[in-house]
Each structure stands twice: as C-alpha cells, then as structure tokens.
Amino acid sequence: MELLRLHARGPMTITELAGSVQRTHSAMSQKVAAMRAADWVATTAGTDARTKMVTLTAKARSVIGRLAAEWRATEAALEDLEQEIPYPLSQVVTDIEQALERKSFRDRIAEKLARDPEWG
C-alpha cells in the first residue's frame, strides 16, 4: 500500500506516509527502514533535520504496475467474497476492534491462564 501511495502522491515525509495509510509514525519509520534496505524506497533529508522524504526507487517503479494490478485484484476478490457470505469481512474487523477495546487479548489470555492448573 505504501509503495502505491508514494506512486500516486509522489514523495512524502514518513509522517505524511504514515497518516495516508493509517499507521503510527513509529511503525512507518520501521517499515521505511525495511523498504529502504530492500531498495524499494530511498530517503533524503526533509525541510528540517527531523524529517525524511521518502521516494520510490527505480526498482519499485519497475514493478508498480504489477503491485497496482494485485491490489485491484485483491480488493475485487474481497468484494466477491463479501457478496457470498452474510457477514461482511470489514464488519468482522470492526467487531474485533470493539471487543478488544472492552478487554485486551492479553487480558483474555491471562484470565484463561489463571484458571489453568498447569499454569500456576
């Protein structure tokens, strides 16, 4: 998604890229580092010492058409799947997020472990 976003919008700061794909700055910074190591993106100094501009490399630009085709196919396949089932997959994600806001997955595991005699 990040490579497609950079292709569509051009160079962005890590903060801008993170916001555009709804990720934290920290997560995006780590992902940019990994993409840079794989030669998918390059970074340059931004307008101040705290920012980095992220741009696509020639390697990324050479496959961007295939990435876009794969993204379109994935979205279309999800739409097909959602038409076949009575419960939209996007609703599943929303419901899980809400349930985890009520009680974290960690807390759920801790409760189960507290009741397991082999754990204590």
N, C-alpha and C. Protein backbone atom coordinates (compact mmCIF):
# COMPACT_ATOMS: atom_id res chain seq x y z
N MET A 1 0.83 -1.19 0.00
CA MET A 1 0.00 0.00 0.00
C MET A 1 0.88 1.26 0.00
N GLU A 2 1.95 1.23 0.79
CA GLU A 2 2.81 2.40 0.90
C GLU A 2 3.45 2.74 -0.44
N LEU A 3 3.90 1.72 -1.16
CA LEU A 3 4.51 1.97 -2.47
C LEU A 3 3.49 2.55 -3.45
N LEU A 4 2.29 2.03 -3.41
CA LEU A 4 1.23 2.56 -4.28
C LEU A 4 0.91 4.01 -3.92
N ARG A 5 0.88 4.31 -2.63
CA ARG A 5 0.59 5.67 -2.19
C ARG A 5 1.69 6.63 -2.64
N LEU A 6 2.95 6.21 -2.52
CA LEU A 6 4.06 7.06 -2.98
C LEU A 6 3.99 7.27 -4.50
N HIS A 7 3.60 6.24 -5.20
CA HIS A 7 3.47 6.36 -6.66
C HIS A 7 2.37 7.37 -7.01
N ALA A 8 1.26 7.29 -6.31
CA ALA A 8 0.12 8.16 -6.61
C ALA A 8 0.36 9.61 -6.19
N ARG A 9 1.00 9.81 -5.05
CA ARG A 9 1.13 11.16 -4.48
C ARG A 9 2.51 11.77 -4.60
N GLY A 10 3.51 10.96 -4.93
CA GLY A 10 4.87 11.46 -5.01
C GLY A 10 5.54 11.42 -3.64
N PRO A 11 6.74 11.96 -3.55
CA PRO A 11 7.50 11.91 -2.29
C PRO A 11 6.70 12.47 -1.12
N MET A 12 6.84 11.80 0.03
CA MET A 12 6.17 12.22 1.25
C MET A 12 7.12 12.04 2.41
N THR A 13 6.86 12.77 3.47
CA THR A 13 7.59 12.53 4.71
C THR A 13 7.07 11.24 5.32
N ILE A 14 7.82 10.70 6.26
CA ILE A 14 7.38 9.49 6.96
C ILE A 14 6.05 9.76 7.67
N THR A 15 5.92 10.93 8.26
CA THR A 15 4.68 11.30 8.94
C THR A 15 3.50 11.34 7.97
N GLU A 16 3.70 11.96 6.81
CA GLU A 16 2.64 12.03 5.81
C GLU A 16 2.27 10.64 5.31
N LEU A 17 3.28 9.82 5.04
CA LEU A 17 3.03 8.47 4.56
C LEU A 17 2.29 7.65 5.61
N ALA A 18 2.71 7.76 6.86
CA ALA A 18 2.03 7.05 7.95
C ALA A 18 0.57 7.44 8.03
N GLY A 19 0.30 8.74 7.98
CA GLY A 19 -1.08 9.21 8.04
C GLY A 19 -1.91 8.73 6.87
N SER A 20 -1.30 8.65 5.70
CA SER A 20 -2.05 8.27 4.50
C SER A 20 -2.46 6.81 4.50
N VAL A 21 -1.76 5.98 5.27
CA VAL A 21 -2.11 4.56 5.35
C VAL A 21 -2.55 4.15 6.75
N GLN A 22 -2.82 5.14 7.59
CA GLN A 22 -3.34 4.95 8.94
C GLN A 22 -2.45 4.05 9.80
N ARG A 23 -1.16 4.41 9.85
CA ARG A 23 -0.18 3.73 10.69
C ARG A 23 0.46 4.76 11.62
N THR A 24 1.08 4.30 12.67
CA THR A 24 1.80 5.22 13.55
C THR A 24 3.12 5.62 12.88
N HIS A 25 3.64 6.75 13.32
CA HIS A 25 4.94 7.20 12.79
C HIS A 25 6.01 6.16 13.08
N SER A 26 5.99 5.59 14.28
CA SER A 26 6.99 4.60 14.66
C SER A 26 6.93 3.36 13.76
N ALA A 27 5.73 2.86 13.54
CA ALA A 27 5.57 1.68 12.67
C ALA A 27 6.03 1.99 11.25
N MET A 28 5.67 3.19 10.77
CA MET A 28 6.05 3.54 9.40
C MET A 28 7.56 3.75 9.29
N SER A 29 8.16 4.32 10.30
CA SER A 29 9.60 4.51 10.29
C SER A 29 10.31 3.17 10.17
N GLN A 30 9.84 2.18 10.90
CA GLN A 30 10.42 0.83 10.82
C GLN A 30 10.19 0.22 9.44
N LYS A 31 9.01 0.42 8.90
CA LYS A 31 8.70 -0.15 7.59
C LYS A 31 9.53 0.52 6.51
N VAL A 32 9.68 1.84 6.59
CA VAL A 32 10.50 2.55 5.62
C VAL A 32 11.94 2.06 5.69
N ALA A 33 12.45 1.81 6.88
CA ALA A 33 13.81 1.29 7.02
C ALA A 33 13.95 -0.06 6.32
N ALA A 34 12.95 -0.92 6.49
CA ALA A 34 12.98 -2.23 5.84
C ALA A 34 12.86 -2.09 4.31
N MET A 35 11.98 -1.20 3.86
CA MET A 35 11.83 -0.98 2.42
C MET A 35 13.09 -0.36 1.82
N ARG A 36 13.75 0.49 2.58
CA ARG A 36 15.00 1.10 2.12
C ARG A 36 16.08 0.02 2.00
N ALA A 37 16.16 -0.88 2.99
CA ALA A 37 17.14 -1.96 2.95
C ALA A 37 16.90 -2.89 1.75
N ALA A 38 15.66 -3.03 1.35
CA ALA A 38 15.31 -3.88 0.20
C ALA A 38 15.37 -3.12 -1.12
N ASP A 39 15.75 -1.85 -1.06
CA ASP A 39 15.87 -0.99 -2.24
C ASP A 39 14.53 -0.69 -2.92
N TRP A 40 13.46 -0.62 -2.13
CA TRP A 40 12.16 -0.21 -2.67
C TRP A 40 11.96 1.29 -2.56
N VAL A 41 12.54 1.91 -1.52
CA VAL A 41 12.43 3.36 -1.34
C VAL A 41 13.81 3.93 -1.00
N ALA A 42 13.91 5.23 -1.20
CA ALA A 42 15.09 5.99 -0.78
C ALA A 42 14.59 7.10 0.13
N THR A 43 15.45 7.53 1.03
CA THR A 43 15.09 8.65 1.89
C THR A 43 16.14 9.74 1.75
N THR A 44 15.65 10.97 1.85
CA THR A 44 16.52 12.13 1.82
C THR A 44 16.09 13.06 2.95
N ALA A 45 16.97 13.97 3.30
CA ALA A 45 16.64 14.93 4.35
C ALA A 45 15.44 15.76 3.92
N GLY A 46 14.56 16.01 4.88
CA GLY A 46 13.39 16.84 4.62
C GLY A 46 13.71 18.31 4.80
N THR A 47 12.69 19.10 5.01
CA THR A 47 12.85 20.54 5.16
C THR A 47 13.54 20.93 6.46
N ASP A 48 13.54 20.03 7.44
CA ASP A 48 14.30 20.27 8.67
C ASP A 48 14.99 18.97 9.08
N ALA A 49 15.81 19.04 10.07
CA ALA A 49 16.61 17.89 10.48
C ALA A 49 15.78 16.73 11.01
N ARG A 50 14.54 16.98 11.38
CA ARG A 50 13.69 15.94 11.97
C ARG A 50 12.91 15.14 10.94
N THR A 51 12.85 15.58 9.71
CA THR A 51 12.02 14.89 8.72
C THR A 51 12.86 14.23 7.64
N LYS A 52 12.28 13.16 7.09
CA LYS A 52 12.89 12.47 5.95
C LYS A 52 11.83 12.37 4.86
N MET A 53 12.25 12.63 3.64
CA MET A 53 11.36 12.45 2.50
C MET A 53 11.57 11.04 1.96
N VAL A 54 10.48 10.38 1.65
CA VAL A 54 10.53 9.01 1.15
C VAL A 54 10.13 9.04 -0.32
N THR A 55 10.94 8.42 -1.16
CA THR A 55 10.66 8.35 -2.59
C THR A 55 10.84 6.92 -3.08
N LEU A 56 10.18 6.61 -4.18
CA LEU A 56 10.34 5.29 -4.79
C LEU A 56 11.68 5.19 -5.50
N THR A 57 12.24 4.00 -5.50
CA THR A 57 13.45 3.75 -6.27
C THR A 57 13.06 3.25 -7.66
N ALA A 58 14.04 3.14 -8.52
CA ALA A 58 13.79 2.60 -9.86
C ALA A 58 13.25 1.17 -9.76
N LYS A 59 13.76 0.41 -8.80
CA LYS A 59 13.29 -0.96 -8.59
C LYS A 59 11.79 -0.97 -8.30
N ALA A 60 11.33 -0.09 -7.42
CA ALA A 60 9.90 -0.02 -7.08
C ALA A 60 9.09 0.45 -8.28
N ARG A 61 9.57 1.47 -8.97
CA ARG A 61 8.83 1.97 -10.14
C ARG A 61 8.70 0.90 -11.22
N SER A 62 9.66 -0.02 -11.29
CA SER A 62 9.61 -1.06 -12.32
C SER A 62 8.52 -2.10 -12.06
N VAL A 63 8.03 -2.21 -10.83
CA VAL A 63 7.01 -3.21 -10.51
C VAL A 63 5.68 -2.58 -10.07
N ILE A 64 5.60 -1.27 -10.08
CA ILE A 64 4.41 -0.60 -9.53
C ILE A 64 3.13 -0.99 -10.27
N GLY A 65 3.21 -1.21 -11.57
CA GLY A 65 2.03 -1.64 -12.33
C GLY A 65 1.51 -2.98 -11.85
N ARG A 66 2.42 -3.90 -11.60
CA ARG A 66 2.03 -5.22 -11.09
C ARG A 66 1.46 -5.12 -9.69
N LEU A 67 2.06 -4.26 -8.85
CA LEU A 67 1.53 -4.07 -7.50
C LEU A 67 0.11 -3.51 -7.55
N ALA A 68 -0.10 -2.54 -8.43
CA ALA A 68 -1.43 -1.94 -8.56
C ALA A 68 -2.44 -2.98 -9.04
N ALA A 69 -2.03 -3.82 -9.99
CA ALA A 69 -2.93 -4.86 -10.50
C ALA A 69 -3.27 -5.85 -9.39
N GLU A 70 -2.27 -6.23 -8.59
CA GLU A 70 -2.51 -7.15 -7.49
C GLU A 70 -3.45 -6.54 -6.45
N TRP A 71 -3.27 -5.25 -6.17
CA TRP A 71 -4.15 -4.57 -5.20
C TRP A 71 -5.59 -4.55 -5.71
N ARG A 72 -5.77 -4.20 -7.00
CA ARG A 72 -7.13 -4.18 -7.57
C ARG A 72 -7.76 -5.57 -7.52
N ALA A 73 -6.98 -6.60 -7.85
CA ALA A 73 -7.50 -7.97 -7.84
C ALA A 73 -7.87 -8.39 -6.43
N THR A 74 -7.06 -8.02 -5.46
CA THR A 74 -7.34 -8.37 -4.07
C THR A 74 -8.63 -7.70 -3.59
N GLU A 75 -8.77 -6.41 -3.89
CA GLU A 75 -9.98 -5.69 -3.50
C GLU A 75 -11.22 -6.30 -4.16
N ALA A 76 -11.10 -6.65 -5.44
CA ALA A 76 -12.23 -7.24 -6.16
C ALA A 76 -12.58 -8.61 -5.58
N ALA A 77 -11.57 -9.41 -5.24
CA ALA A 77 -11.82 -10.73 -4.67
C ALA A 77 -12.50 -10.61 -3.31
N LEU A 78 -12.10 -9.61 -2.51
CA LEU A 78 -12.77 -9.39 -1.23
C LEU A 78 -14.22 -9.00 -1.42
N GLU A 79 -14.47 -8.15 -2.42
CA GLU A 79 -15.86 -7.77 -2.70
C GLU A 79 -16.67 -8.98 -3.10
N ASP A 80 -16.11 -9.86 -3.95
CA ASP A 80 -16.80 -11.09 -4.34
C ASP A 80 -17.11 -11.95 -3.13
N LEU A 81 -16.11 -12.11 -2.26
CA LEU A 81 -16.29 -12.93 -1.07
C LEU A 81 -17.38 -12.36 -0.17
N GLU A 82 -17.37 -11.05 0.02
CA GLU A 82 -18.39 -10.43 0.87
C GLU A 82 -19.79 -10.60 0.30
N GLN A 83 -19.92 -10.72 -1.02
CA GLN A 83 -21.24 -10.95 -1.61
C GLN A 83 -21.73 -12.37 -1.38
N GLU A 84 -20.80 -13.28 -1.11
CA GLU A 84 -21.16 -14.68 -0.92
C GLU A 84 -21.48 -15.03 0.53
N ILE A 85 -21.07 -14.19 1.46
CA ILE A 85 -21.31 -14.51 2.87
C ILE A 85 -22.25 -13.47 3.48
N PRO A 86 -22.98 -13.86 4.52
CA PRO A 86 -23.97 -12.94 5.09
C PRO A 86 -23.38 -11.87 6.01
N TYR A 87 -22.07 -11.96 6.30
CA TYR A 87 -21.46 -11.06 7.27
C TYR A 87 -20.23 -10.44 6.64
N PRO A 88 -20.23 -9.13 6.37
CA PRO A 88 -19.09 -8.50 5.69
C PRO A 88 -17.79 -8.64 6.49
N LEU A 89 -16.71 -8.96 5.81
CA LEU A 89 -15.42 -9.10 6.47
C LEU A 89 -14.99 -7.80 7.15
N SER A 90 -15.33 -6.68 6.55
CA SER A 90 -14.98 -5.40 7.17
C SER A 90 -15.68 -5.24 8.51
N GLN A 91 -16.87 -5.80 8.65
CA GLN A 91 -17.59 -5.74 9.92
C GLN A 91 -16.92 -6.61 10.97
N VAL A 92 -16.35 -7.73 10.53
CA VAL A 92 -15.63 -8.62 11.45
C VAL A 92 -14.49 -7.84 12.10
N VAL A 93 -13.73 -7.10 11.31
CA VAL A 93 -12.61 -6.32 11.84
C VAL A 93 -13.12 -5.29 12.85
N THR A 94 -14.17 -4.58 12.51
CA THR A 94 -14.74 -3.58 13.41
C THR A 94 -15.20 -4.22 14.72
N ASP A 95 -15.88 -5.35 14.62
CA ASP A 95 -16.36 -6.03 15.82
C ASP A 95 -15.21 -6.51 16.70
N ILE A 96 -14.15 -7.03 16.09
CA ILE A 96 -12.99 -7.49 16.86
C ILE A 96 -12.33 -6.29 17.55
N GLU A 97 -12.17 -5.20 16.84
CA GLU A 97 -11.57 -4.00 17.45
C GLU A 97 -12.38 -3.54 18.66
N GLN A 98 -13.70 -3.53 18.53
CA GLN A 98 -14.54 -3.11 19.64
C GLN A 98 -14.44 -4.06 20.82
N ALA A 99 -14.40 -5.36 20.54
CA ALA A 99 -14.28 -6.35 21.62
C ALA A 99 -12.95 -6.20 22.34
N LEU A 100 -11.89 -5.94 21.58
CA LEU A 100 -10.57 -5.78 22.21
C LEU A 100 -10.45 -4.47 22.98
N GLU A 101 -11.24 -3.47 22.61
CA GLU A 101 -11.28 -2.25 23.41
C GLU A 101 -11.93 -2.52 24.77
N ARG A 102 -12.92 -3.41 24.78
CA ARG A 102 -13.57 -3.77 26.04
C ARG A 102 -12.63 -4.57 26.93
N LYS A 103 -11.88 -5.50 26.33
CA LYS A 103 -10.93 -6.32 27.09
C LYS A 103 -9.83 -6.75 26.12
N SER A 104 -8.59 -6.46 26.47
CA SER A 104 -7.47 -6.77 25.57
C SER A 104 -7.29 -8.27 25.42
N PHE A 105 -6.62 -8.64 24.34
CA PHE A 105 -6.33 -10.04 24.09
C PHE A 105 -5.41 -10.58 25.19
N ARG A 106 -4.47 -9.76 25.62
CA ARG A 106 -3.57 -10.15 26.70
C ARG A 106 -4.36 -10.47 27.96
N ASP A 107 -5.32 -9.61 28.31
CA ASP A 107 -6.14 -9.85 29.50
C ASP A 107 -6.97 -11.12 29.35
N ARG A 108 -7.45 -11.39 28.17
CA ARG A 108 -8.24 -12.60 27.92
C ARG A 108 -7.38 -13.86 28.15
N ILE A 109 -6.14 -13.81 27.65
CA ILE A 109 -5.23 -14.93 27.84
C ILE A 109 -4.89 -15.10 29.31
N ALA A 110 -4.60 -13.97 29.98
CA ALA A 110 -4.25 -14.02 31.40
C ALA A 110 -5.37 -14.65 32.22
N GLU A 111 -6.62 -14.33 31.90
CA GLU A 111 -7.75 -14.92 32.62
C GLU A 111 -7.80 -16.43 32.42
N LYS A 112 -7.58 -16.87 31.21
CA LYS A 112 -7.61 -18.31 30.93
C LYS A 112 -6.47 -19.02 31.65
N LEU A 113 -5.29 -18.41 31.63
CA LEU A 113 -4.15 -19.00 32.32
C LEU A 113 -4.36 -19.07 33.81
N ALA A 114 -4.99 -18.06 34.38
CA ALA A 114 -5.24 -18.03 35.83
C ALA A 114 -6.11 -19.20 36.25
N ARG A 115 -6.95 -19.70 35.35
CA ARG A 115 -7.85 -20.82 35.67
C ARG A 115 -7.26 -22.18 35.30
N ASP A 116 -6.11 -22.17 34.66
CA ASP A 116 -5.49 -23.43 34.21
C ASP A 116 -4.54 -23.94 35.28
N PRO A 117 -4.82 -25.11 35.87
CA PRO A 117 -3.98 -25.62 36.96
C PRO A 117 -2.54 -25.88 36.53
N GLU A 118 -2.30 -26.16 35.29
CA GLU A 118 -0.94 -26.42 34.83
C GLU A 118 -0.12 -25.14 34.71
N TRP A 119 -0.79 -24.02 34.67
CA TRP A 119 -0.08 -22.74 34.55
C TRP A 119 0.50 -22.31 35.89
N GLY A 120 -0.27 -22.48 36.94
CA GLY A 120 0.12 -22.00 38.28
C GLY A 120 1.21 -22.80 38.86
